[in-house]
N, C-alpha and C. Protein backbone atom coordinates (compact mmCIF):
# COMPACT_ATOMS: atom_id res chain seq x y z
N MET A 1 -2.81 16.58 -8.36
CA MET A 1 -4.04 16.75 -7.39
C MET A 1 -4.99 15.76 -6.70
N GLU A 2 -5.13 14.87 -8.22
CA GLU A 2 -6.55 13.62 -7.60
C GLU A 2 -5.51 12.30 -6.93
N ASP A 3 -3.80 12.71 -7.78
CA ASP A 3 -3.47 11.62 -6.56
C ASP A 3 -3.86 11.56 -5.42
N LEU A 4 -3.11 12.54 -5.03
CA LEU A 4 -2.86 13.59 -3.73
C LEU A 4 -4.19 13.23 -2.47
N LYS A 5 -5.38 13.57 -3.34
CA LYS A 5 -6.66 12.65 -2.75
C LYS A 5 -7.14 11.60 -2.36
N LYS A 6 -6.58 10.48 -3.42
CA LYS A 6 -6.17 9.15 -3.85
C LYS A 6 -5.50 7.96 -2.48
N MET A 7 -4.36 8.59 -2.47
CA MET A 7 -3.29 8.59 -1.22
C MET A 7 -4.07 8.35 0.26
N TYR A 8 -4.11 10.38 0.49
CA TYR A 8 -5.34 10.48 1.89
C TYR A 8 -6.50 9.20 1.69
N SER A 9 -6.91 9.52 1.17
CA SER A 9 -8.76 8.44 1.12
C SER A 9 -8.22 6.72 1.13
N PHE A 10 -7.05 6.70 0.39
CA PHE A 10 -5.96 4.76 0.95
C PHE A 10 -5.94 4.98 1.93
N LEU A 11 -6.32 6.05 2.80
CA LEU A 11 -5.48 5.82 4.37
C LEU A 11 -6.78 6.08 5.39
N GLY A 12 -7.46 6.27 4.35
CA GLY A 12 -9.08 7.10 5.24
C GLY A 12 -9.22 8.76 6.47
N LEU A 13 -8.20 9.02 5.50
CA LEU A 13 -7.85 10.63 5.99
C LEU A 13 -9.05 11.80 5.16
N SER A 14 -8.04 13.30 5.40
CA SER A 14 -9.67 13.40 5.25
C SER A 14 -7.79 14.20 4.75
N LEU A 15 -7.68 14.78 3.57
CA LEU A 15 -7.54 15.88 3.33
C LEU A 15 -7.17 17.22 3.56
N TYR A 16 -9.02 17.79 3.38
CA TYR A 16 -9.16 18.66 4.04
C TYR A 16 -8.60 18.77 5.95
N ARG A 17 -8.63 17.92 6.51
CA ARG A 17 -8.27 18.07 8.30
C ARG A 17 -6.23 17.60 8.12
N LYS A 18 -6.00 18.31 7.26
CA LYS A 18 -4.25 18.04 7.38
C LYS A 18 -4.22 18.29 8.50
N HIS A 19 -4.45 18.88 10.28
CA HIS A 19 -4.34 19.82 10.72
C HIS A 19 -4.75 18.62 12.41
N SER A 20 -5.50 17.82 11.11
CA SER A 20 -5.59 16.75 12.79
C SER A 20 -3.97 15.89 12.93
N SER A 21 -3.92 15.95 14.10
CA SER A 21 -3.27 14.87 14.88
C SER A 21 -2.26 13.61 14.01
N ALA A 22 -3.88 12.83 14.04
CA ALA A 22 -3.44 11.63 13.12
C ALA A 22 -3.15 11.66 12.58
N ASN A 23 -3.51 13.23 11.41
CA ASN A 23 -3.58 12.76 10.09
C ASN A 23 -1.90 13.18 10.03
N LYS A 24 -1.79 13.76 11.05
CA LYS A 24 -0.15 14.40 10.79
C LYS A 24 1.19 13.80 11.65
N LEU A 25 0.75 12.66 11.91
CA LEU A 25 1.82 11.57 12.63
C LEU A 25 1.88 10.45 11.08
N ILE A 26 0.69 10.26 10.49
CA ILE A 26 0.49 9.16 9.64
C ILE A 26 1.34 9.81 8.10
N VAL A 27 1.02 11.31 7.30
CA VAL A 27 1.15 11.39 6.53
C VAL A 27 2.79 11.35 7.02
N TYR A 28 3.35 12.32 8.05
CA TYR A 28 4.74 12.21 8.49
C TYR A 28 5.67 11.42 8.39
N LYS A 29 5.39 9.83 8.75
CA LYS A 29 5.35 8.79 8.58
C LYS A 29 5.63 8.53 6.43
N ILE A 30 5.14 8.82 6.16
CA ILE A 30 4.82 7.71 5.01
C ILE A 30 5.88 9.46 4.12
N ILE A 31 5.78 10.39 4.75
CA ILE A 31 6.51 10.87 3.61
C ILE A 31 7.90 11.23 3.93
N LYS A 32 8.15 10.63 5.50
CA LYS A 32 9.67 10.58 5.86
C LYS A 32 10.40 9.48 4.79
N THR A 33 9.01 8.26 4.67
CA THR A 33 10.09 7.04 4.76
C THR A 33 10.13 7.26 3.39
N ILE A 34 9.13 7.76 1.78
CA ILE A 34 9.23 8.10 1.00
C ILE A 34 10.63 9.09 1.06
N GLU A 35 10.77 9.84 1.44
CA GLU A 35 11.90 10.62 1.20
C GLU A 35 12.79 10.18 1.45
N GLU A 36 14.00 8.96 1.98
CA GLU A 36 14.83 8.42 2.01
C GLU A 36 14.77 8.10 1.16
N TYR A 37 14.16 8.05 -0.17
CA TYR A 37 14.49 7.57 -1.51
C TYR A 37 15.35 8.34 -2.31
N THR A 38 15.20 9.57 -2.25
CA THR A 38 14.91 10.65 -3.18
C THR A 38 15.96 11.58 -3.10
N CYS A 39 16.92 11.08 -2.41
CA CYS A 39 18.15 12.32 -1.38
C CYS A 39 17.68 12.96 -1.17
N GLY A 40 16.52 13.09 -0.55
CA GLY A 40 15.90 14.48 0.33
C GLY A 40 15.20 15.62 -0.45
N LYS A 41 15.05 15.11 -1.44
CA LYS A 41 13.76 15.96 -2.07
C LYS A 41 12.45 15.68 -3.41
N LEU A 42 12.01 15.48 -1.99
CA LEU A 42 10.70 15.13 -2.19
C LEU A 42 9.63 16.48 -2.87
N ASN A 43 9.86 15.74 -4.39
CA ASN A 43 8.55 16.97 -4.98
C ASN A 43 8.06 15.91 -6.03
N GLY A 44 6.98 16.33 -7.05
CA GLY A 44 6.49 15.89 -7.98
C GLY A 44 6.75 14.79 -9.10
N THR A 45 8.50 15.50 -9.38
CA THR A 45 9.27 14.62 -10.20
C THR A 45 10.01 12.67 -9.48
N THR A 46 9.75 13.00 -7.70
CA THR A 46 10.63 12.25 -7.68
C THR A 46 9.76 11.40 -6.44
N ILE A 47 8.93 11.28 -6.48
CA ILE A 47 7.78 10.78 -5.38
C ILE A 47 7.64 9.68 -6.05
N VAL A 48 7.45 9.78 -7.43
CA VAL A 48 6.83 7.74 -7.93
C VAL A 48 7.73 6.95 -8.28
N PRO A 49 9.05 7.86 -8.30
CA PRO A 49 10.34 6.35 -8.38
C PRO A 49 10.92 5.53 -7.36
N ALA A 50 10.86 7.13 -6.19
CA ALA A 50 11.14 6.95 -5.01
C ALA A 50 10.01 5.25 -4.09
N MET A 51 8.87 5.92 -4.40
CA MET A 51 8.32 4.92 -4.19
C MET A 51 8.34 3.39 -5.59
N ALA A 52 8.36 3.22 -6.72
CA ALA A 52 8.04 1.97 -6.54
C ALA A 52 9.46 1.23 -6.29
N GLU A 53 10.74 2.28 -5.99
CA GLU A 53 12.19 1.90 -5.27
C GLU A 53 11.59 1.29 -4.20
N ILE A 54 10.86 1.50 -3.39
CA ILE A 54 10.25 1.07 -1.95
C ILE A 54 9.54 -0.57 -2.64
N THR A 55 8.63 -0.47 -3.25
CA THR A 55 7.48 -1.45 -3.48
C THR A 55 8.50 -1.75 -3.96
N ALA A 56 9.58 -1.83 -4.67
CA ALA A 56 11.01 -3.28 -5.48
C ALA A 56 10.91 -4.34 -3.76
N GLU A 57 11.92 -2.69 -4.05
CA GLU A 57 12.42 -3.95 -2.26
C GLU A 57 11.33 -3.95 -1.79
N GLN A 58 10.71 -3.69 -1.30
CA GLN A 58 9.56 -5.02 0.15
C GLN A 58 9.37 -6.13 -1.01
N MET A 59 8.96 -6.19 -2.51
CA MET A 59 8.63 -7.31 -3.26
C MET A 59 10.38 -8.19 -2.89
N GLY A 60 11.18 -7.60 -3.22
CA GLY A 60 12.02 -8.42 -3.28
C GLY A 60 12.74 -8.80 -4.34
N ILE A 61 12.20 -7.36 -5.43
CA ILE A 61 12.74 -7.61 -6.71
C ILE A 61 14.20 -7.26 -6.66
N PRO A 62 15.16 -8.02 -7.68
CA PRO A 62 16.43 -7.92 -7.73
C PRO A 62 17.00 -6.64 -8.82
N ARG A 63 18.19 -6.46 -7.03
CA ARG A 63 17.92 -5.22 -8.21
C ARG A 63 19.94 -4.58 -9.17
N LEU A 64 20.18 -5.98 -9.54
CA LEU A 64 21.60 -6.12 -10.60
C LEU A 64 21.20 -5.13 -11.35
N LYS A 65 20.17 -5.25 -12.00
CA LYS A 65 19.68 -4.84 -13.28
C LYS A 65 19.11 -2.95 -12.82
N ALA A 66 20.13 -2.37 -14.07
CA ALA A 66 19.16 -0.82 -14.33
C ALA A 66 17.97 -1.02 -14.73
N TYR A 67 16.18 -0.48 -13.86
CA TYR A 67 16.04 -0.08 -14.78
C TYR A 67 14.92 0.49 -14.76
N THR A 68 14.54 1.05 -16.09
CA THR A 68 13.95 2.40 -16.01
C THR A 68 12.81 2.34 -15.27
N LEU A 69 11.90 3.83 -14.85
CA LEU A 69 10.76 3.50 -14.49
C LEU A 69 9.93 2.60 -14.68
N ASN A 70 9.77 3.07 -16.16
CA ASN A 70 8.64 1.71 -16.77
C ASN A 70 8.85 0.30 -16.36
N GLU A 71 9.88 0.27 -16.73
CA GLU A 71 10.51 -1.49 -16.17
C GLU A 71 9.75 -2.18 -15.47
N LEU A 72 10.59 -0.93 -14.14
CA LEU A 72 10.18 -1.29 -12.86
C LEU A 72 8.59 -0.90 -12.11
N ILE A 73 8.15 -0.44 -12.70
CA ILE A 73 6.97 0.05 -12.79
C ILE A 73 5.77 -2.01 -13.13
N GLU A 74 6.58 -1.97 -14.81
CA GLU A 74 5.88 -3.36 -14.79
C GLU A 74 6.01 -4.64 -14.08
N LYS A 75 7.95 -4.85 -14.17
CA LYS A 75 7.73 -5.60 -12.68
C LYS A 75 7.53 -5.93 -11.76
N ILE A 76 7.08 -4.84 -10.65
CA ILE A 76 6.20 -5.04 -9.80
C ILE A 76 5.32 -5.63 -10.23
N LEU A 77 3.89 -5.39 -11.70
CA LEU A 77 3.04 -5.27 -11.52
C LEU A 77 2.86 -6.75 -11.58
N GLU A 78 3.55 -6.65 -12.73
CA GLU A 78 3.85 -9.08 -13.27
C GLU A 78 3.79 -9.81 -12.17
N GLY A 79 4.96 -8.68 -10.42
CA GLY A 79 5.01 -9.69 -9.43
C GLY A 79 3.46 -9.57 -9.05
N TYR A 80 3.05 -8.80 -8.85
CA TYR A 80 2.04 -8.24 -8.36
C TYR A 80 0.76 -9.59 -8.58
N ASN A 81 0.52 -9.76 -9.89
CA ASN A 81 -0.05 -10.60 -11.07
C ASN A 81 -0.04 -11.83 -10.13
N SER A 82 1.65 -12.42 -10.59
CA SER A 82 1.99 -13.63 -9.60
C SER A 82 1.70 -14.30 -8.71
N ILE A 83 2.01 -12.91 -7.38
CA ILE A 83 1.18 -13.60 -6.08
C ILE A 83 -0.11 -13.55 -6.38
N LYS A 84 -0.66 -13.04 -6.74
CA LYS A 84 -2.32 -12.76 -5.86
C LYS A 84 -3.06 -14.00 -6.87
N SER A 85 -1.45 -14.18 -8.15
CA SER A 85 -2.89 -16.12 -7.96
C SER A 85 -2.54 -16.77 -7.53
N SER A 86 -1.64 -16.89 -6.32
CA SER A 86 -1.41 -17.87 -5.84
C SER A 86 -2.43 -18.86 -4.60
N GLY A 87 -2.76 -19.93 -4.86
CA GLY A 87 -3.05 -20.18 -3.48
C GLY A 87 -3.00 -19.55 -2.05
N ASP A 88 -1.66 -19.45 -1.75
CA ASP A 88 -1.65 -18.89 -0.67
C ASP A 88 -1.19 -17.83 0.25
N PHE A 89 -1.24 -17.21 -1.62
CA PHE A 89 -2.11 -15.62 -1.05
C PHE A 89 -3.56 -15.03 -1.59
N ALA A 90 -4.65 -16.70 -1.71
CA ALA A 90 -5.52 -15.91 -1.40
C ALA A 90 -5.95 -16.69 -0.22
N ALA A 91 -5.31 -18.01 1.08
CA ALA A 91 -5.84 -17.64 1.92
C ALA A 91 -4.91 -16.75 2.84
N TYR A 92 -3.86 -16.49 2.77
CA TYR A 92 -4.38 -15.17 3.60
C TYR A 92 -4.56 -14.36 3.26
N VAL A 93 -5.46 -13.77 2.28
CA VAL A 93 -6.58 -13.09 2.09
C VAL A 93 -7.47 -13.11 2.52
N LYS A 94 -7.91 -13.90 2.99
CA LYS A 94 -9.36 -15.00 3.40
C LYS A 94 -9.23 -14.37 4.79
N ASN A 95 -8.12 -14.53 5.66
CA ASN A 95 -7.58 -14.82 6.76
C ASN A 95 -7.62 -13.01 7.43
N VAL A 96 -6.81 -12.20 6.46
CA VAL A 96 -6.54 -11.27 7.01
C VAL A 96 -8.30 -9.98 6.91
N LYS A 97 -9.09 -10.22 5.97
CA LYS A 97 -10.11 -9.92 5.97
C LYS A 97 -10.88 -10.51 7.06
N GLU A 98 -11.31 -11.66 7.63
CA GLU A 98 -12.17 -11.76 8.90
C GLU A 98 -11.64 -11.22 9.63
N ILE A 99 -9.97 -11.14 9.81
CA ILE A 99 -10.02 -10.51 11.21
C ILE A 99 -9.71 -9.21 11.08
N VAL A 100 -9.99 -8.44 10.00
CA VAL A 100 -9.89 -6.85 9.83
C VAL A 100 -11.35 -6.65 9.90
N LEU A 101 -12.15 -7.35 9.55
CA LEU A 101 -13.44 -7.57 9.23
C LEU A 101 -14.53 -7.27 10.65
N ASN A 102 -13.61 -8.05 11.29
CA ASN A 102 -14.56 -8.85 12.45
C ASN A 102 -15.02 -7.87 13.82
N ARG A 103 -16.35 -7.95 14.24
CA ARG A 103 -16.73 -7.20 15.13
C ARG A 103 -16.41 -6.37 16.07
N ASN A 104 -15.77 -8.55 16.38
CA ASN A 104 -15.28 -8.24 18.73
C ASN A 104 -13.33 -7.79 18.46
N GLN A 105 -13.28 -6.53 19.09
CA GLN A 105 -11.93 -6.26 19.00
C GLN A 105 -11.23 -6.76 19.66
N ARG A 106 -11.57 -7.56 20.65
CA ARG A 106 -10.39 -8.34 21.09
C ARG A 106 -10.08 -9.18 20.13
N TYR A 107 -10.63 -9.84 19.19
CA TYR A 107 -10.24 -11.26 18.56
C TYR A 107 -9.08 -10.67 17.67
N TYR A 108 -9.63 -9.36 16.89
CA TYR A 108 -9.02 -8.68 16.41
C TYR A 108 -7.77 -7.85 16.55
N GLU A 109 -7.52 -7.41 18.04
CA GLU A 109 -5.99 -7.39 18.19
C GLU A 109 -4.92 -8.76 18.85
N SER A 110 -6.55 -9.41 19.75
CA SER A 110 -5.87 -10.81 19.37
C SER A 110 -4.94 -12.03 18.10
N GLN A 111 -5.29 -11.58 17.09
CA GLN A 111 -4.95 -12.02 15.82
C GLN A 111 -3.82 -11.13 15.47
N LEU A 112 -4.04 -9.89 15.17
CA LEU A 112 -3.16 -8.90 14.85
C LEU A 112 -2.16 -9.07 14.24
N LYS A 113 -1.05 -9.59 15.17
CA LYS A 113 0.03 -9.47 15.29
C LYS A 113 0.60 -11.02 14.64
N ASN A 114 -0.19 -12.47 14.48
CA ASN A 114 -0.31 -13.07 13.41
C ASN A 114 0.06 -12.22 11.54
N ILE A 115 -1.14 -12.01 11.39
CA ILE A 115 -1.52 -11.23 10.42
C ILE A 115 0.18 -10.06 9.86
N ILE A 116 0.34 -9.49 10.63
CA ILE A 116 1.90 -8.57 10.94
C ILE A 116 3.17 -9.89 10.67
N LEU A 117 3.41 -10.50 11.43
CA LEU A 117 4.31 -11.77 11.88
C LEU A 117 3.91 -12.38 10.41
N GLU A 118 3.08 -12.92 10.11
CA GLU A 118 3.05 -13.10 8.43
C GLU A 118 2.47 -12.51 7.50
N GLY A 119 3.71 -11.73 7.12
CA GLY A 119 2.79 -10.48 6.43
C GLY A 119 3.54 -9.74 4.79
N LYS A 120 4.22 -12.00 4.86
CA LYS A 120 4.66 -11.66 2.97
C LYS A 120 4.65 -10.97 2.15
N PHE A 121 2.95 -10.98 2.36
CA PHE A 121 1.74 -10.94 1.53
C PHE A 121 1.19 -9.26 1.35
N LEU A 122 1.95 -8.65 2.65
CA LEU A 122 1.39 -7.46 3.42
C LEU A 122 0.87 -6.89 2.39
N ILE A 123 1.93 -6.52 1.66
CA ILE A 123 2.35 -5.37 1.03
C ILE A 123 1.12 -5.14 0.01
N PHE A 124 0.71 -7.18 -0.78
CA PHE A 124 -1.00 -6.93 -1.76
C PHE A 124 -2.20 -6.72 -1.19
N TYR A 125 -2.71 -6.37 0.39
CA TYR A 125 -3.72 -6.68 0.84
C TYR A 125 -4.26 -5.58 -0.20
N ASN A 126 -5.18 -5.90 -0.12
CA ASN A 126 -6.79 -5.30 -0.52
C ASN A 126 -5.73 -3.81 -1.24
N PRO A 127 -5.92 -3.68 -2.71
CA PRO A 127 -5.42 -2.83 -3.45
C PRO A 127 -6.15 -1.86 -3.99
N ASP A 128 -7.46 -2.04 -3.44
CA ASP A 128 -8.52 -1.46 -4.06
C ASP A 128 -8.53 0.14 -3.57
N ILE A 129 -8.01 0.56 -5.16
CA ILE A 129 -8.16 2.49 -3.83
C ILE A 129 -9.23 3.28 -3.54
N ASP A 130 -10.49 2.79 -3.83
CA ASP A 130 -11.68 3.45 -3.64
C ASP A 130 -12.29 2.21 -2.82
N GLU A 131 -11.72 1.07 -1.90
CA GLU A 131 -12.23 0.64 -0.91
C GLU A 131 -13.07 1.38 0.32
N ARG A 132 -14.06 1.36 0.73
CA ARG A 132 -14.56 2.74 1.26
C ARG A 132 -15.25 2.12 2.65
N ASP A 133 -14.57 0.71 3.14
CA ASP A 133 -14.61 0.01 4.61
C ASP A 133 -13.67 0.96 5.39
N VAL A 134 -14.81 1.21 6.48
CA VAL A 134 -13.59 2.31 7.44
C VAL A 134 -12.84 0.66 8.60
N LYS A 135 -12.94 -0.13 8.63
CA LYS A 135 -12.12 -1.32 8.66
C LYS A 135 -10.74 -1.52 8.74
N ILE A 136 -10.53 -1.32 7.27
CA ILE A 136 -9.42 -1.74 6.60
C ILE A 136 -9.19 -0.50 6.53
N LYS A 137 -9.69 0.26 6.14
CA LYS A 137 -8.13 1.41 6.57
C LYS A 137 -8.40 2.28 7.65
N ARG A 138 -8.80 1.77 8.21
CA ARG A 138 -8.01 1.38 10.17
C ARG A 138 -6.88 0.49 10.32
N PHE A 139 -7.48 -0.84 9.81
CA PHE A 139 -6.58 -1.61 9.10
C PHE A 139 -4.80 -0.63 8.05
N ARG A 140 -4.86 0.33 7.63
CA ARG A 140 -3.64 0.84 6.83
C ARG A 140 -3.42 1.46 7.44
N ARG A 141 -3.86 2.39 8.16
CA ARG A 141 -3.42 3.42 9.21
C ARG A 141 -2.40 3.18 9.97
N LEU A 142 -2.69 1.61 10.23
CA LEU A 142 -2.34 0.95 11.31
C LEU A 142 -1.06 0.29 10.92
N ILE A 143 -0.91 -0.04 9.58
CA ILE A 143 0.72 -0.57 8.73
C ILE A 143 0.92 0.82 8.60
N ALA A 144 0.60 1.63 8.21
CA ALA A 144 1.58 2.89 7.33
C ALA A 144 2.28 3.98 9.28
N LEU A 145 1.76 2.92 10.07
CA LEU A 145 2.27 3.73 11.67
C LEU A 145 3.68 2.55 11.88
N THR A 146 3.62 1.42 11.86
CA THR A 146 3.66 0.25 12.61
C THR A 146 5.34 -0.20 11.36
N PHE A 147 4.82 -0.02 9.95
CA PHE A 147 6.12 -0.38 8.55
C PHE A 147 5.34 0.63 7.12
N PRO A 148 5.82 2.14 7.43
CA PRO A 148 5.52 2.74 6.90
C PRO A 148 5.75 1.99 5.45
N LYS A 149 7.40 1.46 5.28
CA LYS A 149 7.24 0.86 3.27
C LYS A 149 6.69 -0.52 3.40
N VAL A 150 5.04 -0.52 3.87
CA VAL A 150 4.93 -1.58 3.49
C VAL A 150 3.99 -1.48 3.14
N CYS A 151 3.38 0.00 3.95
CA CYS A 151 1.47 1.41 3.39
C CYS A 151 2.86 1.51 2.21
N VAL A 152 3.84 2.14 2.15
CA VAL A 152 4.32 2.29 0.68
C VAL A 152 3.97 1.45 -0.27
N ALA A 153 4.25 0.62 -0.19
CA ALA A 153 4.23 -0.41 -0.92
C ALA A 153 2.65 -0.92 -1.49
N ASN A 154 2.09 -0.61 -0.49
CA ASN A 154 0.78 -1.06 -0.44
C ASN A 154 0.04 -0.21 -1.68
N LEU A 155 0.74 1.16 -1.60
CA LEU A 155 -0.71 2.33 -1.32
C LEU A 155 0.52 2.25 -3.17
N PHE A 156 1.43 2.70 -3.33
CA PHE A 156 2.02 2.20 -5.01
C PHE A 156 1.54 1.26 -5.86
N ILE A 157 1.17 0.32 -5.18
CA ILE A 157 0.09 -1.56 -6.48
C ILE A 157 -0.49 -0.08 -6.38
N SER A 158 -1.78 -0.31 -5.48
CA SER A 158 -2.67 0.82 -5.66
C SER A 158 -3.25 1.99 -6.59
N LEU A 159 -2.46 2.82 -6.21
CA LEU A 159 -1.81 3.78 -7.72
C LEU A 159 -1.95 3.14 -9.01
N MET A 160 -0.90 1.81 -8.72
CA MET A 160 -0.61 1.69 -10.74
C MET A 160 -1.34 1.07 -10.96
N LEU A 161 -2.31 0.27 -10.03
CA LEU A 161 -3.40 -0.38 -10.59
C LEU A 161 -4.88 0.19 -11.14
N SER A 162 -5.10 1.07 -10.19
CA SER A 162 -5.77 2.19 -10.26
C SER A 162 -5.39 3.27 -11.72
N LYS A 163 -4.41 3.30 -12.07
CA LYS A 163 -3.87 3.52 -13.69
C LYS A 163 -4.53 2.96 -14.66
N ARG A 164 -4.41 1.44 -14.09
CA ARG A 164 -4.68 0.50 -15.08
C ARG A 164 -5.95 -0.02 -15.75
N CYS A 165 -6.57 0.81 -14.99
CA CYS A 165 -8.11 0.68 -15.36
C CYS A 165 -8.44 0.63 -16.93
N THR A 166 -9.41 0.47 -16.93
CA THR A 166 -10.61 0.28 -18.07
C THR A 166 -11.55 1.51 -17.74
N GLY A 167 -12.33 1.64 -18.74
CA GLY A 167 -13.41 2.65 -19.01
C GLY A 167 -14.16 1.77 -18.02
N ASP A 168 -14.80 0.36 -17.54
CA ASP A 168 -15.35 0.05 -16.91
C ASP A 168 -14.89 -0.25 -15.98
N GLY A 169 -13.99 0.06 -14.89
CA GLY A 169 -13.32 -0.28 -13.52
C GLY A 169 -12.72 -1.57 -13.17
N THR A 170 -12.44 -2.37 -14.04
CA THR A 170 -11.83 -3.13 -13.67
C THR A 170 -10.18 -3.36 -14.56
N ALA A 171 -9.79 -3.99 -13.51
CA ALA A 171 -8.08 -3.51 -14.36
C ALA A 171 -7.41 -4.58 -14.68
N GLN A 172 -6.67 -4.03 -15.75
CA GLN A 172 -6.56 -4.71 -16.50
C GLN A 172 -4.87 -5.47 -15.92
N ASN A 173 -4.79 -6.99 -16.54
CA ASN A 173 -3.75 -7.23 -16.82
C ASN A 173 -3.03 -7.93 -17.95
């Protein structure tokens, strides 16, 4: 239940307003995307492996080797750590943050397509599961509707990083 609350919060949705049409549409897109990777049976034991598979696919992790779930998660987190330390990623994050947090709606809309077209880092953008900024959450919802696999991958990385947090709240590397 705690992970479900985190998933809703990650997108800026209320778990207690499930009947809101916006909530239903976004959650439906995400669930249907994950369900494609579960042989049609989405439950507590199939959701994590399905999200890991989607994330690995989005990251381009070669599937020639069979990984255990823990090995795949480690491979995903290694890839995340490698990407987040690159200069290209830092520049991309700075640009996305500037656009997403900009108060000018016209500027946001005009620059949004550039973010999406240059989306190789999009699954790694702002994986803070506890992010409070409504504009970041609005951006996540947009990604969930337009690129649900990217959203699932970003959410999965966020959940895995939050599970690796130490007592002081900093992610372990």
